[in-house]
Amino acid sequence: MRELRHVVPAVVAAFCLTTGAAVAGTLDDVKAKGFIQAGVNGDLFGFAKPDEKGVWRGLDVDTARAVAAAVFADADKIKYTPLTAKTRFTALQSGEIDVLTRNATQTLSRDTDLGLDFTQVNYYDGQGFLVPKQLGVTSATQLDGASVCVLPGTTTEQNVADYFRVQKMKMNPVVIENTAELAKAFFAGRCDCMTSDASQLAGIRAVAPTPADYVLLPEIISKEPLAPAVRHGDNQWKDIVNYSVLAMIEAEELGITSANIDEMMASTDPKIQRFLGVSPGNGKALGLDEKWAYNIIKQVGNYAEVFERNVGVKTPLMLERGLNALWTNGGLMYSPPFK
């Protein structure tokens, strides 16, 4: 027993050290390879999709670029891994990607069973229904007996089943794993309606052969807080991803944009000085350069800029800010103090 008292603490200490090394150190890993590997949708217009020149565009893409700007002072030091709804969490768990920015809903089971940590929400959403205008349907309550296109392995699949059950309606699910193939099936008439996050439906409608032929029904049947995710246990990396998103929100509230940020460096406002790294401290706390937030806003923009250029009212998605407005404008976007 005397030997065990000496051996067990040593074993426990060794286990803790090796476990810590296994789960912590994403920042060191990405610095060593010189880029961040981000998991994205890959075929969702407005959120993550290469343009005609092969350049990745979208709100989730810009979220990942903000992290790269914070870490490397270069938003382009990033590579993208297109993932399906079914493979996205496995890719993160296995270490294939460093961060998941793929319109993923934070839920209790994903936070716990899957061993993931979600960061600040970058888009507040809810599940809706897209139907052909010629169907003549004006409400989801008229969809009894409908065939419904839905992605597997999503909160969407369970939500729509629950909704039809509560409404005492029947549905015939058409389950296809890939978003692009599911959209093709819907446009080809294989199902009466398509259900997903409302923002995703807007993105799919935007690339339809004739977008005006499709209607988003008014019902929103769930809460879908979409947020980046990282592996559980690496607190420093979670902080970096979390505050990269929050920096864009805070910049909008402070009135800092990619266009005026250099002028704002001369501000005498203590909040702005701390935020931009003129007054040091925040960078050191995260293990980053003091100009990390400056680099995000200069290269990627504040949250309003990111929202409007990717999914806003002047884009094909034509989305209002809604819940994604600042808290001062009736929305849910709210940042803790940067100090």
C-alpha atoms as a PDB file:
ATOM      1  CA  MET A   1       0.000   0.000   0.000  1.00  0.00           C
ATOM      2  CA  ARG A   2       2.919   2.309   0.704  1.00  0.00           C
ATOM      3  CA  GLU A   3       4.130   1.860  -2.918  1.00  0.00           C
ATOM      4  CA  LEU A   4       0.671   2.457  -4.375  1.00  0.00           C
ATOM      5  CA  ARG A   5       0.377   5.791  -2.587  1.00  0.00           C
ATOM      6  CA  HIS A   6       3.450   6.938  -4.489  1.00  0.00           C
ATOM      7  CA  VAL A   7       2.631   5.293  -7.809  1.00  0.00           C
ATOM      8  CA  VAL A   8      -1.027   6.330  -8.214  1.00  0.00           C
ATOM      9  CA  PRO A   9      -0.443  10.110  -7.956  1.00  0.00           C
ATOM     10  CA  ALA A  10       2.361   9.787 -10.495  1.00  0.00           C
ATOM     11  CA  VAL A  11       0.113   7.860 -12.883  1.00  0.00           C
ATOM     12  CA  VAL A  12      -2.700  10.372 -12.444  1.00  0.00           C
ATOM     13  CA  ALA A  13      -0.314  13.268 -13.043  1.00  0.00           C
ATOM     14  CA  ALA A  14       1.054  11.634 -16.172  1.00  0.00           C
ATOM     15  CA  PHE A  15      -2.492  10.955 -17.417  1.00  0.00           C
ATOM     16  CA  CYS A  16      -3.490  14.575 -16.840  1.00  0.00           C
ATOM     17  CA  LEU A  17      -0.434  15.828 -18.688  1.00  0.00           C
ATOM     18  CA  THR A  18      -0.975  13.585 -21.687  1.00  0.00           C
ATOM     19  CA  THR A  19      -4.715  14.262 -21.736  1.00  0.00           C
ATOM     20  CA  GLY A  20      -4.070  18.000 -21.603  1.00  0.00           C
ATOM     21  CA  ALA A  21      -1.635  17.710 -24.477  1.00  0.00           C
ATOM     22  CA  ALA A  22      -4.245  15.787 -26.469  1.00  0.00           C
ATOM     23  CA  VAL A  23      -7.079  18.254 -26.091  1.00  0.00           C
ATOM     24  CA  ALA A  24      -5.224  21.525 -25.723  1.00  0.00           C
ATOM     25  CA  GLY A  25      -2.912  23.113 -28.230  1.00  0.00           C
ATOM     26  CA  THR A  26      -4.956  23.848 -31.352  1.00  0.00           C
ATOM     27  CA  LEU A  27      -3.399  27.313 -31.493  1.00  0.00           C
ATOM     28  CA  ASP A  28       0.091  25.796 -31.528  1.00  0.00           C
ATOM     29  CA  ASP A  29      -1.001  23.269 -34.161  1.00  0.00           C
ATOM     30  CA  VAL A  30      -2.400  25.851 -36.569  1.00  0.00           C
ATOM     31  CA  LYS A  31       0.633  28.100 -36.111  1.00  0.00           C
ATOM     32  CA  ALA A  32       2.918  25.179 -36.892  1.00  0.00           C
ATOM     33  CA  LYS A  33       1.148  24.351 -40.154  1.00  0.00           C
ATOM     34  CA  GLY A  34       0.580  28.017 -41.049  1.00  0.00           C
ATOM     35  CA  PHE A  35      -3.170  27.954 -41.679  1.00  0.00           C
ATOM     36  CA  ILE A  36      -6.535  27.103 -40.132  1.00  0.00           C
ATOM     37  CA  GLN A  37      -8.551  24.185 -41.496  1.00  0.00           C
ATOM     38  CA  ALA A  38     -12.228  25.158 -41.349  1.00  0.00           C
ATOM     39  CA  GLY A  39     -15.181  22.851 -41.897  1.00  0.00           C
ATOM     40  CA  VAL A  40     -17.923  24.524 -43.943  1.00  0.00           C
ATOM     41  CA  ASN A  41     -21.106  23.687 -45.833  1.00  0.00           C
ATOM     42  CA  GLY A  42     -19.558  24.055 -49.269  1.00  0.00           C
ATOM     43  CA  ASP A  43     -22.728  24.513 -51.297  1.00  0.00           C
ATOM     44  CA  LEU A  44     -24.911  27.006 -49.437  1.00  0.00           C
ATOM     45  CA  PHE A  45     -25.129  30.372 -51.146  1.00  0.00           C
ATOM     46  CA  GLY A  46     -24.734  33.238 -48.698  1.00  0.00           C
ATOM     47  CA  PHE A  47     -23.052  31.104 -46.037  1.00  0.00           C
ATOM     48  CA  ALA A  48     -20.326  28.977 -47.617  1.00  0.00           C
ATOM     49  CA  LYS A  49     -19.885  28.411 -51.338  1.00  0.00           C
ATOM     50  CA  PRO A  50     -17.088  29.081 -53.843  1.00  0.00           C
ATOM     51  CA  ASP A  51     -17.932  31.771 -56.409  1.00  0.00           C
ATOM     52  CA  GLU A  52     -17.422  31.432 -60.165  1.00  0.00           C
ATOM     53  CA  LYS A  53     -13.689  32.141 -59.662  1.00  0.00           C
ATOM     54  CA  GLY A  54     -13.356  29.527 -56.936  1.00  0.00           C
ATOM     55  CA  VAL A  55     -13.138  32.096 -54.125  1.00  0.00           C
ATOM     56  CA  TRP A  56     -14.995  31.031 -50.989  1.00  0.00           C
ATOM     57  CA  ARG A  57     -17.764  33.439 -49.973  1.00  0.00           C
ATOM     58  CA  GLY A  58     -20.378  33.573 -47.235  1.00  0.00           C
ATOM     59  CA  LEU A  59     -21.186  34.494 -43.664  1.00  0.00           C
ATOM     60  CA  ASP A  60     -19.698  31.271 -42.281  1.00  0.00           C
ATOM     61  CA  VAL A  61     -16.641  31.716 -44.483  1.00  0.00           C
ATOM     62  CA  ASP A  62     -16.123  35.236 -43.130  1.00  0.00           C
ATOM     63  CA  THR A  63     -16.495  33.885 -39.603  1.00  0.00           C
ATOM     64  CA  ALA A  64     -13.630  31.473 -40.256  1.00  0.00           C
ATOM     65  CA  ARG A  65     -11.605  34.239 -41.921  1.00  0.00           C
ATOM     66  CA  ALA A  66     -12.032  36.360 -38.793  1.00  0.00           C
ATOM     67  CA  VAL A  67     -10.334  33.617 -36.759  1.00  0.00           C
ATOM     68  CA  ALA A  68      -7.465  33.468 -39.264  1.00  0.00           C
ATOM     69  CA  ALA A  69      -7.090  37.256 -39.110  1.00  0.00           C
ATOM     70  CA  ALA A  70      -6.935  37.093 -35.313  1.00  0.00           C
ATOM     71  CA  VAL A  71      -4.310  34.332 -35.275  1.00  0.00           C
ATOM     72  CA  PHE A  72      -2.146  35.177 -38.297  1.00  0.00           C
ATOM     73  CA  ALA A  73      -3.002  38.828 -39.058  1.00  0.00           C
ATOM     74  CA  ASP A  74      -4.001  37.362 -42.425  1.00  0.00           C
ATOM     75  CA  ALA A  75      -7.607  36.343 -43.084  1.00  0.00           C
ATOM     76  CA  ASP A  76      -6.550  34.264 -46.088  1.00  0.00           C
ATOM     77  CA  LYS A  77      -4.400  31.812 -44.119  1.00  0.00           C
ATOM     78  CA  ILE A  78      -7.211  29.317 -44.127  1.00  0.00           C
ATOM     79  CA  LYS A  79      -8.292  26.183 -45.991  1.00  0.00           C
ATOM     80  CA  TYR A  80     -11.823  24.870 -46.292  1.00  0.00           C
ATOM     81  CA  THR A  81     -13.204  21.354 -45.949  1.00  0.00           C
ATOM     82  CA  PRO A  82     -16.741  20.968 -47.364  1.00  0.00           C
ATOM     83  CA  LEU A  83     -18.784  18.761 -45.055  1.00  0.00           C
ATOM     84  CA  THR A  84     -22.249  17.258 -45.070  1.00  0.00           C
ATOM     85  CA  ALA A  85     -24.584  17.528 -42.092  1.00  0.00           C
ATOM     86  CA  LYS A  86     -23.760  13.896 -41.336  1.00  0.00           C
ATOM     87  CA  THR A  87     -19.941  14.207 -41.425  1.00  0.00           C
ATOM     88  CA  ARG A  88     -19.422  17.693 -39.924  1.00  0.00           C
ATOM     89  CA  PHE A  89     -19.119  16.712 -36.255  1.00  0.00           C
ATOM     90  CA  THR A  90     -16.978  13.633 -36.904  1.00  0.00           C
ATOM     91  CA  ALA A  91     -14.531  15.790 -38.855  1.00  0.00           C
ATOM     92  CA  LEU A  92     -14.154  18.081 -35.855  1.00  0.00           C
ATOM     93  CA  GLN A  93     -13.905  15.262 -33.318  1.00  0.00           C
ATOM     94  CA  SER A  94     -11.219  13.473 -35.334  1.00  0.00           C
ATOM     95  CA  GLY A  95      -9.054  16.562 -35.756  1.00  0.00           C
ATOM     96  CA  GLU A  96      -9.563  16.726 -39.526  1.00  0.00           C
ATOM     97  CA  ILE A  97     -10.599  20.366 -39.042  1.00  0.00           C
ATOM     98  CA  ASP A  98      -9.659  22.983 -36.448  1.00  0.00           C
ATOM     99  CA  VAL A  99     -12.994  24.776 -36.297  1.00  0.00           C
ATOM    100  CA  LEU A 100     -16.474  24.057 -37.622  1.00  0.00           C
ATOM    101  CA  THR A 101     -18.238  27.044 -39.173  1.00  0.00           C
ATOM    102  CA  ARG A 102     -21.032  25.193 -40.930  1.00  0.00           C
ATOM    103  CA  ASN A 103     -24.461  26.537 -39.918  1.00  0.00           C
ATOM    104  CA  ALA A 104     -24.606  24.129 -36.956  1.00  0.00           C
ATOM    105  CA  THR A 105     -27.243  24.489 -34.244  1.00  0.00           C
ATOM    106  CA  GLN A 106     -26.073  24.456 -30.653  1.00  0.00           C
ATOM    107  CA  THR A 107     -27.994  21.853 -28.645  1.00  0.00           C
ATOM    108  CA  LEU A 108     -27.573  20.180 -25.257  1.00  0.00           C
ATOM    109  CA  SER A 109     -26.742  16.779 -26.726  1.00  0.00           C
ATOM    110  CA  ARG A 110     -24.139  18.200 -29.101  1.00  0.00           C
ATOM    111  CA  ASP A 111     -22.516  20.101 -26.242  1.00  0.00           C
ATOM    112  CA  THR A 112     -22.379  16.950 -24.107  1.00  0.00           C
ATOM    113  CA  ASP A 113     -22.602  13.638 -25.996  1.00  0.00           C
ATOM    114  CA  LEU A 114     -20.493  14.799 -28.946  1.00  0.00           C
ATOM    115  CA  GLY A 115     -17.805  16.455 -26.837  1.00  0.00           C
ATOM    116  CA  LEU A 116     -18.037  19.788 -28.621  1.00  0.00           C
ATOM    117  CA  ASP A 117     -18.020  23.385 -27.437  1.00  0.00           C
ATOM    118  CA  PHE A 118     -20.069  25.984 -29.276  1.00  0.00           C
ATOM    119  CA  THR A 119     -18.966  29.606 -29.282  1.00  0.00           C
ATOM    120  CA  GLN A 120     -20.855  32.869 -29.808  1.00  0.00           C
ATOM    121  CA  VAL A 121     -23.805  32.520 -32.189  1.00  0.00           C
ATOM    122  CA  ASN A 122     -23.050  34.054 -35.586  1.00  0.00           C
ATOM    123  CA  TYR A 123     -26.616  33.688 -36.898  1.00  0.00           C
ATOM    124  CA  TYR A 124     -29.890  33.283 -34.986  1.00  0.00           C
ATOM    125  CA  ASP A 125     -32.236  31.222 -37.108  1.00  0.00           C
ATOM    126  CA  GLY A 126     -35.345  29.063 -37.029  1.00  0.00           C
ATOM    127  CA  GLN A 127     -36.697  26.209 -39.126  1.00  0.00           C
ATOM    128  CA  GLY A 128     -39.119  26.972 -41.917  1.00  0.00           C
ATOM    129  CA  PHE A 129     -40.698  25.552 -45.080  1.00  0.00           C
ATOM    130  CA  LEU A 130     -40.098  26.293 -48.750  1.00  0.00           C
ATOM    131  CA  VAL A 131     -42.814  25.366 -51.261  1.00  0.00           C
ATOM    132  CA  PRO A 132     -43.481  25.890 -54.967  1.00  0.00           C
ATOM    133  CA  LYS A 133     -45.804  28.850 -55.468  1.00  0.00           C
ATOM    134  CA  GLN A 134     -47.986  26.773 -57.806  1.00  0.00           C
ATOM    135  CA  LEU A 135     -48.808  24.446 -54.903  1.00  0.00           C
ATOM    136  CA  GLY A 136     -51.097  27.167 -53.577  1.00  0.00           C
ATOM    137  CA  VAL A 137     -50.085  26.565 -49.951  1.00  0.00           C
ATOM    138  CA  THR A 138     -49.921  29.627 -47.690  1.00  0.00           C
ATOM    139  CA  SER A 139     -49.355  27.933 -44.307  1.00  0.00           C
ATOM    140  CA  ALA A 140     -47.456  24.928 -42.995  1.00  0.00           C
ATOM    141  CA  THR A 141     -50.718  23.753 -41.429  1.00  0.00           C
ATOM    142  CA  GLN A 142     -51.888  22.920 -44.968  1.00  0.00           C
ATOM    143  CA  LEU A 143     -49.103  20.376 -45.551  1.00  0.00           C
ATOM    144  CA  ASP A 144     -50.983  17.262 -44.336  1.00  0.00           C
ATOM    145  CA  GLY A 145     -49.858  14.291 -46.443  1.00  0.00           C
ATOM    146  CA  ALA A 146     -47.045  16.242 -48.089  1.00  0.00           C
ATOM    147  CA  SER A 147     -43.740  14.747 -49.162  1.00  0.00           C
ATOM    148  CA  VAL A 148     -40.984  16.682 -47.405  1.00  0.00           C
ATOM    149  CA  CYS A 149     -37.360  17.000 -48.488  1.00  0.00           C
ATOM    150  CA  VAL A 150     -35.095  16.942 -45.404  1.00  0.00           C
ATOM    151  CA  LEU A 151     -31.435  16.401 -44.551  1.00  0.00           C
ATOM    152  CA  PRO A 152     -30.560  13.481 -42.229  1.00  0.00           C
ATOM    153  CA  GLY A 153     -28.497  13.925 -39.075  1.00  0.00           C
ATOM    154  CA  THR A 154     -29.870  17.394 -38.381  1.00  0.00           C
ATOM    155  CA  THR A 155     -32.113  19.032 -35.819  1.00  0.00           C
ATOM    156  CA  THR A 156     -34.349  19.709 -38.818  1.00  0.00           C
ATOM    157  CA  GLU A 157     -35.226  16.047 -39.212  1.00  0.00           C
ATOM    158  CA  GLN A 158     -36.490  15.708 -35.638  1.00  0.00           C
ATOM    159  CA  ASN A 159     -38.170  19.134 -35.588  1.00  0.00           C
ATOM    160  CA  VAL A 160     -40.295  18.477 -38.663  1.00  0.00           C
ATOM    161  CA  ALA A 161     -41.368  15.059 -37.357  1.00  0.00           C
ATOM    162  CA  ASP A 162     -42.364  16.660 -34.051  1.00  0.00           C
ATOM    163  CA  TYR A 163     -44.225  19.484 -35.807  1.00  0.00           C
ATOM    164  CA  PHE A 164     -46.317  17.163 -37.974  1.00  0.00           C
ATOM    165  CA  ARG A 165     -47.085  14.959 -34.966  1.00  0.00           C
ATOM    166  CA  VAL A 166     -48.251  17.922 -32.859  1.00  0.00           C
ATOM    167  CA  GLN A 167     -50.352  19.233 -35.752  1.00  0.00           C
ATOM    168  CA  LYS A 168     -51.845  15.724 -36.208  1.00  0.00           C
ATOM    169  CA  MET A 169     -50.680  15.678 -39.819  1.00  0.00           C
ATOM    170  CA  LYS A 170     -48.933  13.000 -41.847  1.00  0.00           C
ATOM    171  CA  MET A 171     -45.779  13.482 -43.905  1.00  0.00           C
ATOM    172  CA  ASN A 172     -43.672  11.434 -46.299  1.00  0.00           C
ATOM    173  CA  PRO A 173     -39.990  12.272 -45.721  1.00  0.00           C
ATOM    174  CA  VAL A 174     -37.603  12.359 -48.671  1.00  0.00           C
ATOM    175  CA  VAL A 175     -34.180  12.030 -47.040  1.00  0.00           C
ATOM    176  CA  ILE A 176     -31.056  12.890 -49.042  1.00  0.00           C
ATOM    177  CA  GLU A 177     -27.701  13.456 -47.319  1.00  0.00           C
ATOM    178  CA  ASN A 178     -26.209  16.145 -49.571  1.00  0.00           C
ATOM    179  CA  THR A 179     -27.664  19.681 -49.555  1.00  0.00           C
ATOM    180  CA  ALA A 180     -27.109  20.235 -53.278  1.00  0.00           C
ATOM    181  CA  GLU A 181     -28.713  16.901 -54.206  1.00  0.00           C
ATOM    182  CA  LEU A 182     -31.625  17.549 -51.859  1.00  0.00           C
ATOM    183  CA  ALA A 183     -32.212  20.921 -53.504  1.00  0.00           C
ATOM    184  CA  LYS A 184     -32.113  19.312 -56.952  1.00  0.00           C
ATOM    185  CA  ALA A 185     -34.703  16.769 -55.848  1.00  0.00           C
ATOM    186  CA  PHE A 186     -36.947  19.551 -54.564  1.00  0.00           C
ATOM    187  CA  PHE A 187     -36.638  21.646 -57.712  1.00  0.00           C
ATOM    188  CA  ALA A 188     -37.310  18.528 -59.803  1.00  0.00           C
ATOM    189  CA  GLY A 189     -40.620  18.035 -57.990  1.00  0.00           C
ATOM    190  CA  ARG A 190     -39.710  14.924 -55.997  1.00  0.00           C
ATOM    191  CA  CYS A 191     -41.197  16.501 -52.864  1.00  0.00           C
ATOM    192  CA  ASP A 192     -43.938  19.012 -52.134  1.00  0.00           C
ATOM    193  CA  CYS A 193     -41.861  21.093 -49.755  1.00  0.00           C
ATOM    194  CA  MET A 194     -38.399  21.446 -48.339  1.00  0.00           C
ATOM    195  CA  THR A 195     -37.679  22.142 -44.681  1.00  0.00           C
ATOM    196  CA  SER A 196     -34.511  23.491 -43.103  1.00  0.00           C
ATOM    197  CA  ASP A 197     -33.236  26.589 -41.339  1.00  0.00           C
ATOM    198  CA  ALA A 198     -34.986  29.591 -42.899  1.00  0.00           C
ATOM    199  CA  SER A 199     -31.649  31.138 -43.869  1.00  0.00           C
ATOM    200  CA  GLN A 200     -30.638  27.929 -45.647  1.00  0.00           C
ATOM    201  CA  LEU A 201     -33.941  27.845 -47.512  1.00  0.00           C
ATOM    202  CA  ALA A 202     -33.390  31.453 -48.584  1.00  0.00           C
ATOM    203  CA  GLY A 203     -29.930  30.498 -49.856  1.00  0.00           C
ATOM    204  CA  ILE A 204     -31.319  27.518 -51.759  1.00  0.00           C
ATOM    205  CA  ARG A 205     -34.135  29.602 -53.268  1.00  0.00           C
ATOM    206  CA  ALA A 206     -31.597  32.222 -54.377  1.00  0.00           C
ATOM    207  CA  VAL A 207     -29.934  29.714 -56.714  1.00  0.00           C
ATOM    208  CA  ALA A 208     -33.181  28.131 -57.966  1.00  0.00           C
ATOM    209  CA  PRO A 209     -33.796  28.138 -61.729  1.00  0.00           C
ATOM    210  CA  THR A 210     -36.548  30.713 -61.099  1.00  0.00           C
ATOM    211  CA  PRO A 211     -36.424  31.952 -57.471  1.00  0.00           C
ATOM    212  CA  ALA A 212     -39.782  33.751 -57.766  1.00  0.00           C
ATOM    213  CA  ASP A 213     -41.484  30.379 -58.264  1.00  0.00           C
ATOM    214  CA  TYR A 214     -40.876  29.435 -54.616  1.00  0.00           C
ATOM    215  CA  VAL A 215     -42.342  30.768 -51.394  1.00  0.00           C
ATOM    216  CA  LEU A 216     -41.124  30.689 -47.796  1.00  0.00           C
ATOM    217  CA  LEU A 217     -44.091  29.892 -45.556  1.00  0.00           C
ATOM    218  CA  PRO A 218     -44.616  32.150 -42.513  1.00  0.00           C
ATOM    219  CA  GLU A 219     -44.259  29.475 -39.821  1.00  0.00           C
ATOM    220  CA  ILE A 220     -40.956  29.209 -37.914  1.00  0.00           C
ATOM    221  CA  ILE A 221     -41.149  25.990 -35.905  1.00  0.00           C
ATOM    222  CA  SER A 222     -37.918  25.980 -33.901  1.00  0.00           C
ATOM    223  CA  LYS A 223     -35.028  27.919 -32.417  1.00  0.00           C
ATOM    224  CA  GLU A 224     -31.787  27.387 -34.321  1.00  0.00           C
ATOM    225  CA  PRO A 225     -28.846  29.303 -32.812  1.00  0.00           C
ATOM    226  CA  LEU A 226     -26.131  28.686 -35.400  1.00  0.00           C
ATOM    227  CA  ALA A 227     -22.610  28.919 -34.026  1.00  0.00           C
ATOM    228  CA  PRO A 228     -19.021  27.841 -34.685  1.00  0.00           C
ATOM    229  CA  ALA A 229     -17.881  24.760 -32.784  1.00  0.00           C
ATOM    230  CA  VAL A 230     -14.538  23.514 -31.473  1.00  0.00           C
ATOM    231  CA  ARG A 231     -13.397  20.404 -29.659  1.00  0.00           C
ATOM    232  CA  HIS A 232     -14.199  20.220 -25.968  1.00  0.00           C
ATOM    233  CA  GLY A 233     -11.326  20.863 -23.586  1.00  0.00           C
ATOM    234  CA  ASP A 234      -9.145  23.359 -25.453  1.00  0.00           C
ATOM    235  CA  ASN A 235     -10.207  26.487 -23.595  1.00  0.00           C
ATOM    236  CA  GLN A 236      -7.705  28.833 -25.215  1.00  0.00           C
ATOM    237  CA  TRP A 237      -8.825  27.908 -28.728  1.00  0.00           C
ATOM    238  CA  LYS A 238     -12.467  28.235 -27.738  1.00  0.00           C
ATOM    239  CA  ASP A 239     -11.758  31.718 -26.345  1.00  0.00           C
ATOM    240  CA  ILE A 240     -10.044  32.753 -29.580  1.00  0.00           C
ATOM    241  CA  VAL A 241     -12.896  31.557 -31.812  1.00  0.00           C
ATOM    242  CA  ASN A 242     -15.512  32.956 -29.440  1.00  0.00           C
ATOM    243  CA  TYR A 243     -13.981  36.421 -29.219  1.00  0.00           C
ATOM    244  CA  SER A 244     -13.273  36.535 -32.946  1.00  0.00           C
ATOM    245  CA  VAL A 245     -17.043  36.430 -33.503  1.00  0.00           C
ATOM    246  CA  LEU A 246     -17.693  38.813 -30.617  1.00  0.00           C
ATOM    247  CA  ALA A 247     -15.122  41.264 -31.990  1.00  0.00           C
ATOM    248  CA  MET A 248     -17.236  41.783 -35.110  1.00  0.00           C
ATOM    249  CA  ILE A 249     -20.314  42.420 -32.962  1.00  0.00           C
ATOM    250  CA  GLU A 250     -18.452  44.767 -30.613  1.00  0.00           C
ATOM    251  CA  ALA A 251     -16.990  46.703 -33.547  1.00  0.00           C
ATOM    252  CA  GLU A 252     -20.451  47.334 -34.962  1.00  0.00           C
ATOM    253  CA  GLU A 253     -21.631  48.639 -31.602  1.00  0.00           C
ATOM    254  CA  LEU A 254     -18.581  50.897 -31.298  1.00  0.00           C
ATOM    255  CA  GLY A 255     -19.106  52.242 -34.819  1.00  0.00           C
ATOM    256  CA  ILE A 256     -15.852  50.759 -36.104  1.00  0.00           C
ATOM    257  CA  THR A 257     -15.841  49.569 -39.721  1.00  0.00           C
ATOM    258  CA  SER A 258     -13.232  48.288 -42.144  1.00  0.00           C
ATOM    259  CA  ALA A 259     -13.316  51.743 -43.769  1.00  0.00           C
ATOM    260  CA  ASN A 260     -12.818  53.931 -40.682  1.00  0.00           C
ATOM    261  CA  ILE A 261     -10.742  51.661 -38.448  1.00  0.00           C
ATOM    262  CA  ASP A 262      -7.448  53.451 -39.079  1.00  0.00           C
ATOM    263  CA  GLU A 263      -9.017  56.756 -38.067  1.00  0.00           C
ATOM    264  CA  MET A 264     -10.496  55.087 -34.978  1.00  0.00           C
ATOM    265  CA  MET A 265      -7.001  54.113 -33.843  1.00  0.00           C
ATOM    266  CA  ALA A 266      -6.605  57.761 -32.780  1.00  0.00           C
ATOM    267  CA  SER A 267      -9.754  57.700 -30.636  1.00  0.00           C
ATOM    268  CA  THR A 268      -9.422  58.744 -27.003  1.00  0.00           C
ATOM    269  CA  ASP A 269     -12.329  56.502 -25.957  1.00  0.00           C
ATOM    270  CA  PRO A 270     -10.856  53.919 -23.518  1.00  0.00           C
ATOM    271  CA  LYS A 271     -13.191  51.197 -24.838  1.00  0.00           C
ATOM    272  CA  ILE A 272     -11.989  51.718 -28.392  1.00  0.00           C
ATOM    273  CA  GLN A 273      -8.355  51.919 -27.296  1.00  0.00           C
ATOM    274  CA  ARG A 274      -8.641  48.583 -25.495  1.00  0.00           C
ATOM    275  CA  PHE A 275     -10.558  46.984 -28.350  1.00  0.00           C
ATOM    276  CA  LEU A 276      -8.043  47.995 -31.008  1.00  0.00           C
ATOM    277  CA  GLY A 277      -5.012  47.141 -28.900  1.00  0.00           C
ATOM    278  CA  VAL A 278      -3.821  50.727 -28.448  1.00  0.00           C
ATOM    279  CA  SER A 279      -4.114  49.953 -24.747  1.00  0.00           C
ATOM    280  CA  PRO A 280      -2.563  46.476 -24.402  1.00  0.00           C
ATOM    281  CA  GLY A 281      -3.896  43.493 -22.504  1.00  0.00           C
ATOM    282  CA  ASN A 282      -6.604  41.729 -24.507  1.00  0.00           C
ATOM    283  CA  GLY A 283      -4.162  40.203 -26.973  1.00  0.00           C
ATOM    284  CA  LYS A 284      -1.939  38.845 -24.230  1.00  0.00           C
ATOM    285  CA  ALA A 285      -4.961  37.350 -22.474  1.00  0.00           C
ATOM    286  CA  LEU A 286      -5.843  35.353 -25.610  1.00  0.00           C
ATOM    287  CA  GLY A 287      -2.260  34.505 -26.546  1.00  0.00           C
ATOM    288  CA  LEU A 288      -2.496  36.716 -29.649  1.00  0.00           C
ATOM    289  CA  ASP A 289      -1.006  39.932 -30.974  1.00  0.00           C
ATOM    290  CA  GLU A 290      -2.540  43.053 -29.430  1.00  0.00           C
ATOM    291  CA  LYS A 291      -3.885  44.081 -32.859  1.00  0.00           C
ATOM    292  CA  TRP A 292      -5.887  40.865 -33.282  1.00  0.00           C
ATOM    293  CA  ALA A 293      -9.264  42.641 -33.243  1.00  0.00           C
ATOM    294  CA  TYR A 294      -7.941  45.404 -35.511  1.00  0.00           C
ATOM    295  CA  ASN A 295      -6.896  42.761 -38.033  1.00  0.00           C
ATOM    296  CA  ILE A 296     -10.339  41.135 -37.978  1.00  0.00           C
ATOM    297  CA  ILE A 297     -12.225  44.359 -38.669  1.00  0.00           C
ATOM    298  CA  LYS A 298      -9.692  45.721 -41.171  1.00  0.00           C
ATOM    299  CA  GLN A 299      -9.663  42.525 -43.241  1.00  0.00           C
ATOM    300  CA  VAL A 300     -13.135  41.043 -42.701  1.00  0.00           C
ATOM    301  CA  GLY A 301     -15.341  43.856 -41.349  1.00  0.00           C
ATOM    302  CA  ASN A 302     -17.738  44.281 -38.460  1.00  0.00           C
ATOM    303  CA  TYR A 303     -20.820  42.084 -38.098  1.00  0.00           C
ATOM    304  CA  ALA A 304     -23.070  44.456 -40.059  1.00  0.00           C
ATOM    305  CA  GLU A 305     -20.638  44.454 -42.979  1.00  0.00           C
ATOM    306  CA  VAL A 306     -20.379  40.664 -42.956  1.00  0.00           C
ATOM    307  CA  PHE A 307     -24.161  40.216 -42.704  1.00  0.00           C
ATOM    308  CA  GLU A 308     -25.110  42.716 -45.392  1.00  0.00           C
ATOM    309  CA  ARG A 309     -22.618  41.609 -48.036  1.00  0.00           C
ATOM    310  CA  ASN A 310     -23.466  37.918 -47.670  1.00  0.00           C
ATOM    311  CA  VAL A 311     -27.150  37.542 -46.743  1.00  0.00           C
ATOM    312  CA  GLY A 312     -28.626  41.046 -46.330  1.00  0.00           C
ATOM    313  CA  VAL A 313     -31.539  42.748 -48.048  1.00  0.00           C
ATOM    314  CA  LYS A 314     -29.432  43.770 -51.059  1.00  0.00           C
ATOM    315  CA  THR A 315     -28.279  40.198 -51.728  1.00  0.00           C
ATOM    316  CA  PRO A 316     -30.301  37.462 -53.483  1.00  0.00           C
ATOM    317  CA  LEU A 317     -31.221  36.079 -50.022  1.00  0.00           C
ATOM    318  CA  MET A 318     -32.886  39.408 -49.066  1.00  0.00           C
ATOM    319  CA  LEU A 319     -32.727  38.708 -45.318  1.00  0.00           C
ATOM    320  CA  GLU A 320     -33.553  41.356 -42.732  1.00  0.00           C
ATOM    321  CA  ARG A 321     -31.351  41.626 -39.652  1.00  0.00           C
ATOM    322  CA  GLY A 322     -34.215  40.596 -37.333  1.00  0.00           C
ATOM    323  CA  LEU A 323     -32.869  38.665 -34.350  1.00  0.00           C
ATOM    324  CA  ASN A 324     -29.383  39.243 -35.742  1.00  0.00           C
ATOM    325  CA  ALA A 325     -29.548  42.986 -35.142  1.00  0.00           C
ATOM    326  CA  LEU A 326     -27.619  44.510 -32.262  1.00  0.00           C
ATOM    327  CA  TRP A 327     -29.329  44.385 -28.881  1.00  0.00           C
ATOM    328  CA  THR A 328     -29.594  48.189 -29.068  1.00  0.00           C
ATOM    329  CA  ASN A 329     -31.776  47.725 -32.173  1.00  0.00           C
ATOM    330  CA  GLY A 330     -34.039  45.016 -30.765  1.00  0.00           C
ATOM    331  CA  GLY A 331     -31.903  42.028 -31.775  1.00  0.00           C
ATOM    332  CA  LEU A 332     -29.923  39.417 -29.858  1.00  0.00           C
ATOM    333  CA  MET A 333     -26.378  40.384 -30.871  1.00  0.00           C
ATOM    334  CA  TYR A 334     -24.685  41.434 -27.638  1.00  0.00           C
ATOM    335  CA  SER A 335     -21.019  41.397 -26.705  1.00  0.00           C
ATOM    336  CA  PRO A 336     -19.490  41.328 -23.214  1.00  0.00           C
ATOM    337  CA  PRO A 337     -16.962  44.080 -22.429  1.00  0.00           C
ATOM    338  CA  PHE A 338     -13.530  43.781 -24.025  1.00  0.00           C
ATOM    339  CA  LYS A 339     -11.496  44.351 -20.882  1.00  0.00           C
END
